[in-house]
């Protein structure tokens, strides 16, 4: 049910091994931050997106974090800090060029396995 979607202009995200390591690490972190089983976490990376931020094409990253139930301000702040550090380290995108959108979803609005939560 938790989803992490990453769009970035960073060319460093092209390596299959690097992508696998990044998504695996972030999947584990998201499950831990939200207190949900990782067996329901989905991660997605869309590299080489044509993106601008502050009027430039310097490396940039946009993350969407969606989950069923309410995320607390403490959770979103901790996730933001943790994920910005990882993205900066792995993809070389400065934290001040990373936006993260957090969205809570109602169970009835999230489908899985032929039903909803």
PDB file of N, CA and C in Angstrom:
ATOM      1  N   UNK A   1       0.797  -1.197   0.000  1.00  0.00           N
ATOM      2  CA  UNK A   1       0.000   0.000   0.000  1.00  0.00           C
ATOM      3  C   UNK A   1       0.839   1.260   0.000  1.00  0.00           C
ATOM      4  N   UNK A   2       1.973   1.320   0.728  1.00  0.00           N
ATOM      5  CA  UNK A   2       2.807   2.505   0.528  1.00  0.00           C
ATOM      6  C   UNK A   2       3.468   2.474  -0.843  1.00  0.00           C
ATOM      7  N   UNK A   3       3.550   3.640  -1.449  1.00  0.00           N
ATOM      8  CA  UNK A   3       4.174   3.796  -2.762  1.00  0.00           C
ATOM      9  C   UNK A   3       5.184   4.919  -2.698  1.00  0.00           C
ATOM     10  N   UNK A   4       6.365   4.658  -3.245  1.00  0.00           N
ATOM     11  CA  UNK A   4       7.379   5.688  -3.419  1.00  0.00           C
ATOM     12  C   UNK A   4       7.696   5.755  -4.897  1.00  0.00           C
ATOM     13  N   UNK A   5       7.429   6.922  -5.506  1.00  0.00           N
ATOM     14  CA  UNK A   5       7.713   7.137  -6.917  1.00  0.00           C
ATOM     15  C   UNK A   5       8.733   8.259  -7.016  1.00  0.00           C
ATOM     16  N   UNK A   6       9.804   7.991  -7.741  1.00  0.00           N
ATOM     17  CA  UNK A   6      10.894   8.959  -7.871  1.00  0.00           C
ATOM     18  C   UNK A   6      11.060   9.334  -9.334  1.00  0.00           C
ATOM     19  N   UNK A   7      11.031  10.618  -9.605  1.00  0.00           N
ATOM     20  CA  UNK A   7      11.356  11.144 -10.932  1.00  0.00           C
ATOM     21  C   UNK A   7      12.591  12.012 -10.762  1.00  0.00           C
ATOM     22  N   UNK A   8      13.594  11.796 -11.606  1.00  0.00           N
ATOM     23  CA  UNK A   8      14.819  12.577 -11.482  1.00  0.00           C
ATOM     24  C   UNK A   8      15.441  12.849 -12.844  1.00  0.00           C
ATOM     25  N   UNK A   9      16.134  13.950 -12.917  1.00  0.00           N
ATOM     26  CA  UNK A   9      16.891  14.268 -14.127  1.00  0.00           C
ATOM     27  C   UNK A   9      18.303  13.707 -14.038  1.00  0.00           C
ATOM     28  N   UNK A  10      18.649  13.134 -12.907  1.00  0.00           N
ATOM     29  CA  UNK A  10      19.997  12.624 -12.689  1.00  0.00           C
ATOM     30  C   UNK A  10      20.339  11.492 -13.654  1.00  0.00           C
ATOM     31  N   UNK A  11      21.471  11.612 -14.348  1.00  0.00           N
ATOM     32  CA  UNK A  11      21.906  10.531 -15.233  1.00  0.00           C
ATOM     33  C   UNK A  11      22.537   9.380 -14.457  1.00  0.00           C
ATOM     34  N   UNK A  12      22.798   9.575 -13.155  1.00  0.00           N
ATOM     35  CA  UNK A  12      23.437   8.537 -12.357  1.00  0.00           C
ATOM     36  C   UNK A  12      22.510   7.366 -12.066  1.00  0.00           C
ATOM     37  N   UNK A  13      21.231   7.523 -12.365  1.00  0.00           N
ATOM     38  CA  UNK A  13      20.255   6.483 -12.053  1.00  0.00           C
ATOM     39  C   UNK A  13      20.159   5.423 -13.145  1.00  0.00           C
ATOM     40  N   UNK A  14      21.083   5.418 -14.090  1.00  0.00           N
ATOM     41  CA  UNK A  14      20.965   4.497 -15.218  1.00  0.00           C
ATOM     42  C   UNK A  14      21.471   3.092 -14.933  1.00  0.00           C
ATOM     43  N   UNK A  15      22.392   2.924 -14.006  1.00  0.00           N
ATOM     44  CA  UNK A  15      22.945   1.617 -13.703  1.00  0.00           C
ATOM     45  C   UNK A  15      21.874   0.723 -13.080  1.00  0.00           C
ATOM     46  N   UNK A  16      21.705  -0.471 -13.626  1.00  0.00           N
ATOM     47  CA  UNK A  16      20.693  -1.402 -13.108  1.00  0.00           C
ATOM     48  C   UNK A  16      20.991  -1.787 -11.663  1.00  0.00           C
ATOM     49  N   UNK A  17      22.258  -2.035 -11.345  1.00  0.00           N
ATOM     50  CA  UNK A  17      22.629  -2.412  -9.982  1.00  0.00           C
ATOM     51  C   UNK A  17      22.374  -1.255  -9.017  1.00  0.00           C
ATOM     52  N   UNK A  18      22.719  -0.042  -9.432  1.00  0.00           N
ATOM     53  CA  UNK A  18      22.505   1.126  -8.585  1.00  0.00           C
ATOM     54  C   UNK A  18      21.015   1.351  -8.350  1.00  0.00           C
ATOM     55  N   UNK A  19      20.227   1.208  -9.396  1.00  0.00           N
ATOM     56  CA  UNK A  19      18.779   1.377  -9.274  1.00  0.00           C
ATOM     57  C   UNK A  19      18.209   0.346  -8.307  1.00  0.00           C
ATOM     58  N   UNK A  20      18.620  -0.895  -8.461  1.00  0.00           N
ATOM     59  CA  UNK A  20      18.135  -1.973  -7.589  1.00  0.00           C
ATOM     60  C   UNK A  20      18.501  -1.689  -6.129  1.00  0.00           C
ATOM     61  N   UNK A  21      19.745  -1.295  -5.889  1.00  0.00           N
ATOM     62  CA  UNK A  21      20.186  -1.001  -4.521  1.00  0.00           C
ATOM     63  C   UNK A  21      19.422   0.173  -3.926  1.00  0.00           C
ATOM     64  N   UNK A  22      19.233   1.225  -4.714  1.00  0.00           N
ATOM     65  CA  UNK A  22      18.517   2.411  -4.237  1.00  0.00           C
ATOM     66  C   UNK A  22      17.072   2.071  -3.888  1.00  0.00           C
ATOM     67  N   UNK A  23      16.376   1.404  -4.802  1.00  0.00           N
ATOM     68  CA  UNK A  23      14.965   1.098  -4.564  1.00  0.00           C
ATOM     69  C   UNK A  23      14.787   0.123  -3.407  1.00  0.00           C
ATOM     70  N   UNK A  24      15.697  -0.823  -3.271  1.00  0.00           N
ATOM     71  CA  UNK A  24      15.629  -1.774  -2.161  1.00  0.00           C
ATOM     72  C   UNK A  24      15.819  -1.056  -0.830  1.00  0.00           C
ATOM     73  N   UNK A  25      16.818  -0.185  -0.763  1.00  0.00           N
ATOM     74  CA  UNK A  25      17.075   0.550   0.474  1.00  0.00           C
ATOM     75  C   UNK A  25      15.902   1.448   0.841  1.00  0.00           C
ATOM     76  N   UNK A  26      15.348   2.158  -0.145  1.00  0.00           N
ATOM     77  CA  UNK A  26      14.237   3.062   0.132  1.00  0.00           C
ATOM     78  C   UNK A  26      12.960   2.303   0.480  1.00  0.00           C
ATOM     79  N   UNK A  27      12.758   1.127  -0.091  1.00  0.00           N
ATOM     80  CA  UNK A  27      11.612   0.293   0.257  1.00  0.00           C
ATOM     81  C   UNK A  27      11.670  -0.099   1.735  1.00  0.00           C
ATOM     82  N   UNK A  28      12.845  -0.530   2.172  1.00  0.00           N
ATOM     83  CA  UNK A  28      13.017  -0.917   3.575  1.00  0.00           C
ATOM     84  C   UNK A  28      12.802   0.281   4.499  1.00  0.00           C
ATOM     85  N   UNK A  29      13.359   1.423   4.113  1.00  0.00           N
ATOM     86  CA  UNK A  29      13.231   2.622   4.931  1.00  0.00           C
ATOM     87  C   UNK A  29      11.775   3.081   5.026  1.00  0.00           C
ATOM     88  N   UNK A  30      11.049   3.050   3.899  1.00  0.00           N
ATOM     89  CA  UNK A  30       9.656   3.489   3.909  1.00  0.00           C
ATOM     90  C   UNK A  30       8.812   2.596   4.811  1.00  0.00           C
ATOM     91  N   UNK A  31       9.009   1.297   4.706  1.00  0.00           N
ATOM     92  CA  UNK A  31       8.269   0.366   5.570  1.00  0.00           C
ATOM     93  C   UNK A  31       8.549   0.663   7.039  1.00  0.00           C
ATOM     94  N   UNK A  32       9.811   0.882   7.364  1.00  0.00           N
ATOM     95  CA  UNK A  32      10.188   1.162   8.750  1.00  0.00           C
ATOM     96  C   UNK A  32       9.593   2.492   9.228  1.00  0.00           C
ATOM     97  N   UNK A  33       9.699   3.532   8.415  1.00  0.00           N
ATOM     98  CA  UNK A  33       9.160   4.844   8.809  1.00  0.00           C
ATOM     99  C   UNK A  33       7.652   4.797   9.052  1.00  0.00           C
ATOM    100  N   UNK A  34       6.945   4.034   8.224  1.00  0.00           N
ATOM    101  CA  UNK A  34       5.482   3.999   8.321  1.00  0.00           C
ATOM    102  C   UNK A  34       4.970   2.878   9.219  1.00  0.00           C
ATOM    103  N   UNK A  35       5.853   1.981   9.644  1.00  0.00           N
ATOM    104  CA  UNK A  35       5.427   0.859  10.484  1.00  0.00           C
ATOM    105  C   UNK A  35       4.528  -0.110   9.743  1.00  0.00           C
ATOM    106  N   UNK A  36       4.801  -0.277   8.446  1.00  0.00           N
ATOM    107  CA  UNK A  36       3.983  -1.172   7.617  1.00  0.00           C
ATOM    108  C   UNK A  36       4.867  -2.278   7.057  1.00  0.00           C
ATOM    109  N   UNK A  37       4.270  -3.422   6.726  1.00  0.00           N
ATOM    110  CA  UNK A  37       5.076  -4.515   6.176  1.00  0.00           C
ATOM    111  C   UNK A  37       5.649  -4.157   4.804  1.00  0.00           C
ATOM    112  N   UNK A  38       6.923  -4.470   4.613  1.00  0.00           N
ATOM    113  CA  UNK A  38       7.547  -4.170   3.333  1.00  0.00           C
ATOM    114  C   UNK A  38       6.905  -4.968   2.200  1.00  0.00           C
ATOM    115  N   UNK A  39       6.238  -6.058   2.525  1.00  0.00           N
ATOM    116  CA  UNK A  39       5.599  -6.872   1.491  1.00  0.00           C
ATOM    117  C   UNK A  39       4.526  -6.101   0.719  1.00  0.00           C
ATOM    118  N   UNK A  40       4.093  -4.945   1.229  1.00  0.00           N
ATOM    119  CA  UNK A  40       3.111  -4.114   0.536  1.00  0.00           C
ATOM    120  C   UNK A  40       3.719  -2.858  -0.094  1.00  0.00           C
ATOM    121  N   UNK A  41       5.006  -2.615   0.127  1.00  0.00           N
ATOM    122  CA  UNK A  41       5.643  -1.391  -0.362  1.00  0.00           C
ATOM    123  C   UNK A  41       6.009  -1.536  -1.837  1.00  0.00           C
ATOM    124  N   UNK A  42       5.719  -0.502  -2.620  1.00  0.00           N
ATOM    125  CA  UNK A  42       6.101  -0.446  -4.034  1.00  0.00           C
ATOM    126  C   UNK A  42       6.990   0.766  -4.232  1.00  0.00           C
ATOM    127  N   UNK A  43       8.087   0.578  -4.980  1.00  0.00           N
ATOM    128  CA  UNK A  43       8.975   1.686  -5.309  1.00  0.00           C
ATOM    129  C   UNK A  43       9.152   1.749  -6.814  1.00  0.00           C
ATOM    130  N   UNK A  44       9.379   2.951  -7.323  1.00  0.00           N
ATOM    131  CA  UNK A  44       9.511   3.161  -8.764  1.00  0.00           C
ATOM    132  C   UNK A  44      10.500   4.299  -8.997  1.00  0.00           C
ATOM    133  N   UNK A  45      11.395   4.106  -9.963  1.00  0.00           N
ATOM    134  CA  UNK A  45      12.352   5.147 -10.320  1.00  0.00           C
ATOM    135  C   UNK A  45      12.228   5.455 -11.804  1.00  0.00           C
ATOM    136  N   UNK A  46      12.021   6.715 -12.124  1.00  0.00           N
ATOM    137  CA  UNK A  46      11.966   7.193 -13.500  1.00  0.00           C
ATOM    138  C   UNK A  46      13.153   8.132 -13.710  1.00  0.00           C
ATOM    139  N   UNK A  47      14.275   7.612 -14.236  1.00  0.00           N
ATOM    140  CA  UNK A  47      15.469   8.437 -14.419  1.00  0.00           C
ATOM    141  C   UNK A  47      15.429   9.246 -15.714  1.00  0.00           C
ATOM    142  N   UNK A  48      16.353  10.147 -15.823  1.00  0.00           N
ATOM    143  CA  UNK A  48      16.561  10.948 -17.032  1.00  0.00           C
ATOM    144  C   UNK A  48      15.351  11.755 -17.469  1.00  0.00           C
ATOM    145  N   UNK A  49      14.540  12.168 -16.529  1.00  0.00           N
ATOM    146  CA  UNK A  49      13.390  13.015 -16.865  1.00  0.00           C
ATOM    147  C   UNK A  49      13.880  14.407 -17.215  1.00  0.00           C
ATOM    148  N   UNK A  50      13.230  15.037 -18.169  1.00  0.00           N
ATOM    149  CA  UNK A  50      13.537  16.421 -18.515  1.00  0.00           C
ATOM    150  C   UNK A  50      12.826  17.299 -17.493  1.00  0.00           C
ATOM    151  N   UNK A  51      13.595  17.877 -16.567  1.00  0.00           N
ATOM    152  CA  UNK A  51      13.014  18.624 -15.462  1.00  0.00           C
ATOM    153  C   UNK A  51      13.791  19.923 -15.235  1.00  0.00           C
ATOM    154  N   UNK A  52      13.067  20.939 -14.783  1.00  0.00           N
ATOM    155  CA  UNK A  52      13.712  22.171 -14.336  1.00  0.00           C
ATOM    156  C   UNK A  52      13.311  22.426 -12.892  1.00  0.00           C
ATOM    157  N   UNK A  53      14.143  23.183 -12.216  1.00  0.00           N
ATOM    158  CA  UNK A  53      13.834  23.659 -10.869  1.00  0.00           C
ATOM    159  C   UNK A  53      14.579  24.973 -10.708  1.00  0.00           C
ATOM    160  N   UNK A  54      13.896  25.981 -10.230  1.00  0.00           N
ATOM    161  CA  UNK A  54      14.487  27.315 -10.062  1.00  0.00           C
ATOM    162  C   UNK A  54      15.043  27.842 -11.382  1.00  0.00           C
ATOM    163  N   UNK A  55      14.411  27.440 -12.485  1.00  0.00           N
ATOM    164  CA  UNK A  55      14.787  27.950 -13.791  1.00  0.00           C
ATOM    165  C   UNK A  55      16.016  27.323 -14.409  1.00  0.00           C
ATOM    166  N   UNK A  56      16.523  26.234 -13.796  1.00  0.00           N
ATOM    167  CA  UNK A  56      17.713  25.585 -14.355  1.00  0.00           C
ATOM    168  C   UNK A  56      17.461  24.101 -14.594  1.00  0.00           C
ATOM    169  N   UNK A  57      18.340  23.500 -15.380  1.00  0.00           N
ATOM    170  CA  UNK A  57      18.286  22.069 -15.650  1.00  0.00           C
ATOM    171  C   UNK A  57      19.289  21.294 -14.806  1.00  0.00           C
ATOM    172  N   UNK A  58      19.826  21.905 -13.757  1.00  0.00           N
ATOM    173  CA  UNK A  58      20.718  21.192 -12.846  1.00  0.00           C
ATOM    174  C   UNK A  58      19.968  19.985 -12.274  1.00  0.00           C
ATOM    175  N   UNK A  59      20.689  18.946 -11.815  1.00  0.00           N
ATOM    176  CA  UNK A  59      20.015  17.757 -11.302  1.00  0.00           C
ATOM    177  C   UNK A  59      18.919  18.095 -10.286  1.00  0.00           C
ATOM    178  N   UNK A  60      17.791  17.434 -10.452  1.00  0.00           N
ATOM    179  CA  UNK A  60      16.609  17.682  -9.628  1.00  0.00           C
ATOM    180  C   UNK A  60      15.894  16.356  -9.403  1.00  0.00           C
ATOM    181  N   UNK A  61      15.084  16.300  -8.358  1.00  0.00           N
ATOM    182  CA  UNK A  61      14.370  15.059  -8.042  1.00  0.00           C
ATOM    183  C   UNK A  61      13.018  15.394  -7.421  1.00  0.00           C
ATOM    184  N   UNK A  62      12.004  14.640  -7.820  1.00  0.00           N
ATOM    185  CA  UNK A  62      10.652  14.772  -7.270  1.00  0.00           C
ATOM    186  C   UNK A  62      10.228  13.402  -6.781  1.00  0.00           C
ATOM    187  N   UNK A  63       9.799  13.319  -5.519  1.00  0.00           N
ATOM    188  CA  UNK A  63       9.348  12.066  -4.941  1.00  0.00           C
ATOM    189  C   UNK A  63       7.887  12.182  -4.536  1.00  0.00           C
ATOM    190  N   UNK A  64       7.146  11.111  -4.741  1.00  0.00           N
ATOM    191  CA  UNK A  64       5.774  11.004  -4.238  1.00  0.00           C
ATOM    192  C   UNK A  64       5.749   9.857  -3.243  1.00  0.00           C
ATOM    193  N   UNK A  65       5.229  10.129  -2.056  1.00  0.00           N
ATOM    194  CA  UNK A  65       5.040   9.090  -1.042  1.00  0.00           C
ATOM    195  C   UNK A  65       3.549   9.033  -0.754  1.00  0.00           C
ATOM    196  N   UNK A  66       2.951   7.883  -1.056  1.00  0.00           N
ATOM    197  CA  UNK A  66       1.518   7.700  -0.816  1.00  0.00           C
ATOM    198  C   UNK A  66       1.338   6.499   0.086  1.00  0.00           C
ATOM    199  N   UNK A  67       0.375   6.598   0.997  1.00  0.00           N
ATOM    200  CA  UNK A  67       0.124   5.499   1.928  1.00  0.00           C
ATOM    201  C   UNK A  67      -1.313   5.557   2.415  1.00  0.00           C
ATOM    202  N   UNK A  68      -1.839   4.394   2.745  1.00  0.00           N
ATOM    203  CA  UNK A  68      -3.177   4.324   3.334  1.00  0.00           C
ATOM    204  C   UNK A  68      -3.066   4.707   4.801  1.00  0.00           C
ATOM    205  N   UNK A  69      -3.957   5.576   5.227  1.00  0.00           N
ATOM    206  CA  UNK A  69      -3.929   6.059   6.601  1.00  0.00           C
ATOM    207  C   UNK A  69      -3.217   7.392   6.682  1.00  0.00           C
ATOM    208  N   UNK A  70      -3.207   7.966   7.845  1.00  0.00           N
ATOM    209  CA  UNK A  70      -2.630   9.294   8.032  1.00  0.00           C
ATOM    210  C   UNK A  70      -1.161   9.207   8.430  1.00  0.00           C
ATOM    211  N   UNK A  71      -0.330   9.923   7.687  1.00  0.00           N
ATOM    212  CA  UNK A  71       1.066  10.073   8.073  1.00  0.00           C
ATOM    213  C   UNK A  71       1.147  11.279   9.006  1.00  0.00           C
ATOM    214  N   UNK A  72       1.908  11.141  10.054  1.00  0.00           N
ATOM    215  CA  UNK A  72       2.044  12.234  11.015  1.00  0.00           C
ATOM    216  C   UNK A  72       3.116  13.214  10.543  1.00  0.00           C
ATOM    217  N   UNK A  73       3.063  14.452  11.048  1.00  0.00           N
ATOM    218  CA  UNK A  73       4.123  15.409  10.716  1.00  0.00           C
ATOM    219  C   UNK A  73       5.512  14.899  11.113  1.00  0.00           C
ATOM    220  N   UNK A  74       5.594  14.152  12.200  1.00  0.00           N
ATOM    221  CA  UNK A  74       6.881  13.611  12.623  1.00  0.00           C
ATOM    222  C   UNK A  74       7.386  12.583  11.608  1.00  0.00           C
ATOM    223  N   UNK A  75       6.482  11.746  11.100  1.00  0.00           N
ATOM    224  CA  UNK A  75       6.871  10.754  10.094  1.00  0.00           C
ATOM    225  C   UNK A  75       7.327  11.425   8.806  1.00  0.00           C
ATOM    226  N   UNK A  76       6.557  12.392   8.316  1.00  0.00           N
ATOM    227  CA  UNK A  76       6.915  13.017   7.046  1.00  0.00           C
ATOM    228  C   UNK A  76       8.224  13.792   7.162  1.00  0.00           C
ATOM    229  N   UNK A  77       8.458  14.428   8.292  1.00  0.00           N
ATOM    230  CA  UNK A  77       9.719  15.149   8.496  1.00  0.00           C
ATOM    231  C   UNK A  77      10.895  14.175   8.512  1.00  0.00           C
ATOM    232  N   UNK A  78      10.746  13.045   9.201  1.00  0.00           N
ATOM    233  CA  UNK A  78      11.813  12.042   9.270  1.00  0.00           C
ATOM    234  C   UNK A  78      12.066  11.403   7.907  1.00  0.00           C
ATOM    235  N   UNK A  79      10.992  11.129   7.164  1.00  0.00           N
ATOM    236  CA  UNK A  79      11.130  10.557   5.821  1.00  0.00           C
ATOM    237  C   UNK A  79      11.841  11.555   4.912  1.00  0.00           C
ATOM    238  N   UNK A  80      11.448  12.813   4.974  1.00  0.00           N
ATOM    239  CA  UNK A  80      12.068  13.831   4.137  1.00  0.00           C
ATOM    240  C   UNK A  80      13.566  13.914   4.399  1.00  0.00           C
ATOM    241  N   UNK A  81      13.954  13.968   5.650  1.00  0.00           N
ATOM    242  CA  UNK A  81      15.374  14.045   6.008  1.00  0.00           C
ATOM    243  C   UNK A  81      16.125  12.818   5.499  1.00  0.00           C
ATOM    244  N   UNK A  82      15.599  11.649   5.791  1.00  0.00           N
ATOM    245  CA  UNK A  82      16.239  10.385   5.421  1.00  0.00           C
ATOM    246  C   UNK A  82      16.360  10.245   3.904  1.00  0.00           C
ATOM    247  N   UNK A  83      15.261  10.463   3.185  1.00  0.00           N
ATOM    248  CA  UNK A  83      15.259  10.264   1.739  1.00  0.00           C
ATOM    249  C   UNK A  83      16.106  11.309   1.009  1.00  0.00           C
ATOM    250  N   UNK A  84      16.082  12.559   1.490  1.00  0.00           N
ATOM    251  CA  UNK A  84      16.930  13.588   0.866  1.00  0.00           C
ATOM    252  C   UNK A  84      18.410  13.228   1.010  1.00  0.00           C
ATOM    253  N   UNK A  85      18.785  12.694   2.169  1.00  0.00           N
ATOM    254  CA  UNK A  85      20.174  12.280   2.369  1.00  0.00           C
ATOM    255  C   UNK A  85      20.561  11.159   1.403  1.00  0.00           C
ATOM    256  N   UNK A  86      19.689  10.175   1.255  1.00  0.00           N
ATOM    257  CA  UNK A  86      19.977   9.042   0.368  1.00  0.00           C
ATOM    258  C   UNK A  86      20.047   9.499  -1.088  1.00  0.00           C
ATOM    259  N   UNK A  87      19.075  10.293  -1.523  1.00  0.00           N
ATOM    260  CA  UNK A  87      19.046  10.770  -2.911  1.00  0.00           C
ATOM    261  C   UNK A  87      20.298  11.610  -3.200  1.00  0.00           C
ATOM    262  N   UNK A  88      20.682  12.450  -2.258  1.00  0.00           N
ATOM    263  CA  UNK A  88      21.888  13.262  -2.437  1.00  0.00           C
ATOM    264  C   UNK A  88      23.126  12.370  -2.561  1.00  0.00           C
ATOM    265  N   UNK A  89      23.227  11.389  -1.696  1.00  0.00           N
ATOM    266  CA  UNK A  89      24.395  10.494  -1.694  1.00  0.00           C
ATOM    267  C   UNK A  89      24.456   9.651  -2.960  1.00  0.00           C
ATOM    268  N   UNK A  90      23.348   9.072  -3.366  1.00  0.00           N
ATOM    269  CA  UNK A  90      23.347   8.122  -4.490  1.00  0.00           C
ATOM    270  C   UNK A  90      23.230   8.819  -5.841  1.00  0.00           C
ATOM    271  N   UNK A  91      22.322   9.777  -5.966  1.00  0.00           N
ATOM    272  CA  UNK A  91      22.058  10.406  -7.263  1.00  0.00           C
ATOM    273  C   UNK A  91      22.725  11.767  -7.425  1.00  0.00           C
ATOM    274  N   UNK A  92      23.380  12.250  -6.372  1.00  0.00           N
ATOM    275  CA  UNK A  92      24.088  13.532  -6.419  1.00  0.00           C
ATOM    276  C   UNK A  92      23.150  14.722  -6.664  1.00  0.00           C
ATOM    277  N   UNK A  93      21.910  14.603  -6.199  1.00  0.00           N
ATOM    278  CA  UNK A  93      20.967  15.718  -6.287  1.00  0.00           C
ATOM    279  C   UNK A  93      20.985  16.430  -4.931  1.00  0.00           C
ATOM    280  N   UNK A  94      21.319  17.713  -4.903  1.00  0.00           N
ATOM    281  CA  UNK A  94      21.351  18.437  -3.630  1.00  0.00           C
ATOM    282  C   UNK A  94      19.965  18.445  -2.967  1.00  0.00           C
ATOM    283  N   UNK A  95      19.919  18.340  -1.638  1.00  0.00           N
ATOM    284  CA  UNK A  95      18.631  18.348  -0.938  1.00  0.00           C
ATOM    285  C   UNK A  95      17.757  19.552  -1.249  1.00  0.00           C
ATOM    286  N   UNK A  96      18.369  20.703  -1.554  1.00  0.00           N
ATOM    287  CA  UNK A  96      17.555  21.889  -1.857  1.00  0.00           C
ATOM    288  C   UNK A  96      16.988  21.850  -3.273  1.00  0.00           C
ATOM    289  N   UNK A  97      17.228  20.748  -4.007  1.00  0.00           N
ATOM    290  CA  UNK A  97      16.643  20.554  -5.339  1.00  0.00           C
ATOM    291  C   UNK A  97      15.779  19.293  -5.355  1.00  0.00           C
ATOM    292  N   UNK A  98      15.263  18.933  -4.191  1.00  0.00           N
ATOM    293  CA  UNK A  98      14.398  17.757  -4.041  1.00  0.00           C
ATOM    294  C   UNK A  98      13.074  18.204  -3.438  1.00  0.00           C
ATOM    295  N   UNK A  99      11.991  17.849  -4.104  1.00  0.00           N
ATOM    296  CA  UNK A  99      10.649  18.035  -3.546  1.00  0.00           C
ATOM    297  C   UNK A  99      10.078  16.651  -3.236  1.00  0.00           C
ATOM    298  N   UNK A 100       9.351  16.577  -2.134  1.00  0.00           N
ATOM    299  CA  UNK A 100       8.660  15.339  -1.762  1.00  0.00           C
ATOM    300  C   UNK A 100       7.204  15.677  -1.486  1.00  0.00           C
ATOM    301  N   UNK A 101       6.313  14.973  -2.165  1.00  0.00           N
ATOM    302  CA  UNK A 101       4.876  15.136  -1.927  1.00  0.00           C
ATOM    303  C   UNK A 101       4.387  13.939  -1.133  1.00  0.00           C
ATOM    304  N   UNK A 102       3.750  14.203  -0.008  1.00  0.00           N
ATOM    305  CA  UNK A 102       3.174  13.152   0.823  1.00  0.00           C
ATOM    306  C   UNK A 102       1.663  13.162   0.638  1.00  0.00           C
ATOM    307  N   UNK A 103       1.072  11.990   0.448  1.00  0.00           N
ATOM    308  CA  UNK A 103      -0.378  11.905   0.260  1.00  0.00           C
ATOM    309  C   UNK A 103      -0.937  10.708   1.025  1.00  0.00           C
ATOM    310  N   UNK A 104      -1.949  10.977   1.831  1.00  0.00           N
ATOM    311  CA  UNK A 104      -2.673   9.917   2.530  1.00  0.00           C
ATOM    312  C   UNK A 104      -3.810   9.443   1.637  1.00  0.00           C
ATOM    313  N   UNK A 105      -4.075   8.155   1.661  1.00  0.00           N
ATOM    314  CA  UNK A 105      -5.163   7.592   0.855  1.00  0.00           C
ATOM    315  C   UNK A 105      -6.125   6.823   1.749  1.00  0.00           C
ATOM    316  N   UNK A 106      -7.389   6.859   1.393  1.00  0.00           N
ATOM    317  CA  UNK A 106      -8.381   6.022   2.063  1.00  0.00           C
ATOM    318  C   UNK A 106      -8.285   4.619   1.489  1.00  0.00           C
ATOM    319  N   UNK A 107      -8.489   3.619   2.307  1.00  0.00           N
ATOM    320  CA  UNK A 107      -8.394   2.229   1.868  1.00  0.00           C
ATOM    321  C   UNK A 107      -9.288   1.910   0.686  1.00  0.00           C
ATOM    322  N   UNK A 108     -10.469   2.489   0.647  1.00  0.00           N
ATOM    323  CA  UNK A 108     -11.399   2.225  -0.453  1.00  0.00           C
ATOM    324  C   UNK A 108     -10.933   2.837  -1.767  1.00  0.00           C
ATOM    325  N   UNK A 109      -9.945   3.729  -1.699  1.00  0.00           N
ATOM    326  CA  UNK A 109      -9.437   4.387  -2.900  1.00  0.00           C
ATOM    327  C   UNK A 109      -8.121   3.779  -3.377  1.00  0.00           C
ATOM    328  N   UNK A 110      -7.759   2.616  -2.843  1.00  0.00           N
ATOM    329  CA  UNK A 110      -6.500   1.958  -3.187  1.00  0.00           C
ATOM    330  C   UNK A 110      -6.805   0.498  -3.516  1.00  0.00           C
ATOM    331  N   UNK A 111      -6.671   0.129  -4.782  1.00  0.00           N
ATOM    332  CA  UNK A 111      -6.979  -1.228  -5.202  1.00  0.00           C
ATOM    333  C   UNK A 111      -5.770  -2.151  -5.140  1.00  0.00           C
ATOM    334  N   UNK A 112      -6.038  -3.429  -4.888  1.00  0.00           N
ATOM    335  CA  UNK A 112      -4.984  -4.449  -4.829  1.00  0.00           C
ATOM    336  C   UNK A 112      -5.623  -5.820  -4.922  1.00  0.00           C
ATOM    337  N   UNK A 113      -5.053  -6.653  -5.750  1.00  0.00           N
ATOM    338  CA  UNK A 113      -5.456  -8.064  -5.806  1.00  0.00           C
ATOM    339  C   UNK A 113      -6.953  -8.247  -6.046  1.00  0.00           C
ATOM    340  N   UNK A 114      -7.501  -7.413  -6.909  1.00  0.00           N
ATOM    341  CA  UNK A 114      -8.902  -7.535  -7.268  1.00  0.00           C
ATOM    342  C   UNK A 114      -9.886  -6.939  -6.286  1.00  0.00           C
ATOM    343  N   UNK A 115      -9.394  -6.227  -5.275  1.00  0.00           N
ATOM    344  CA  UNK A 115     -10.268  -5.615  -4.281  1.00  0.00           C
ATOM    345  C   UNK A 115      -9.670  -4.277  -3.872  1.00  0.00           C
ATOM    346  N   UNK A 116     -10.081  -3.757  -2.742  1.00  0.00           N
ATOM    347  CA  UNK A 116      -9.501  -2.540  -2.174  1.00  0.00           C
ATOM    348  C   UNK A 116      -9.144  -2.812  -0.725  1.00  0.00           C
ATOM    349  N   UNK A 117      -8.406  -1.891  -0.151  1.00  0.00           N
ATOM    350  CA  UNK A 117      -8.051  -2.024   1.257  1.00  0.00           C
ATOM    351  C   UNK A 117      -9.144  -1.457   2.129  1.00  0.00           C
TER     352      UNK A 117
END
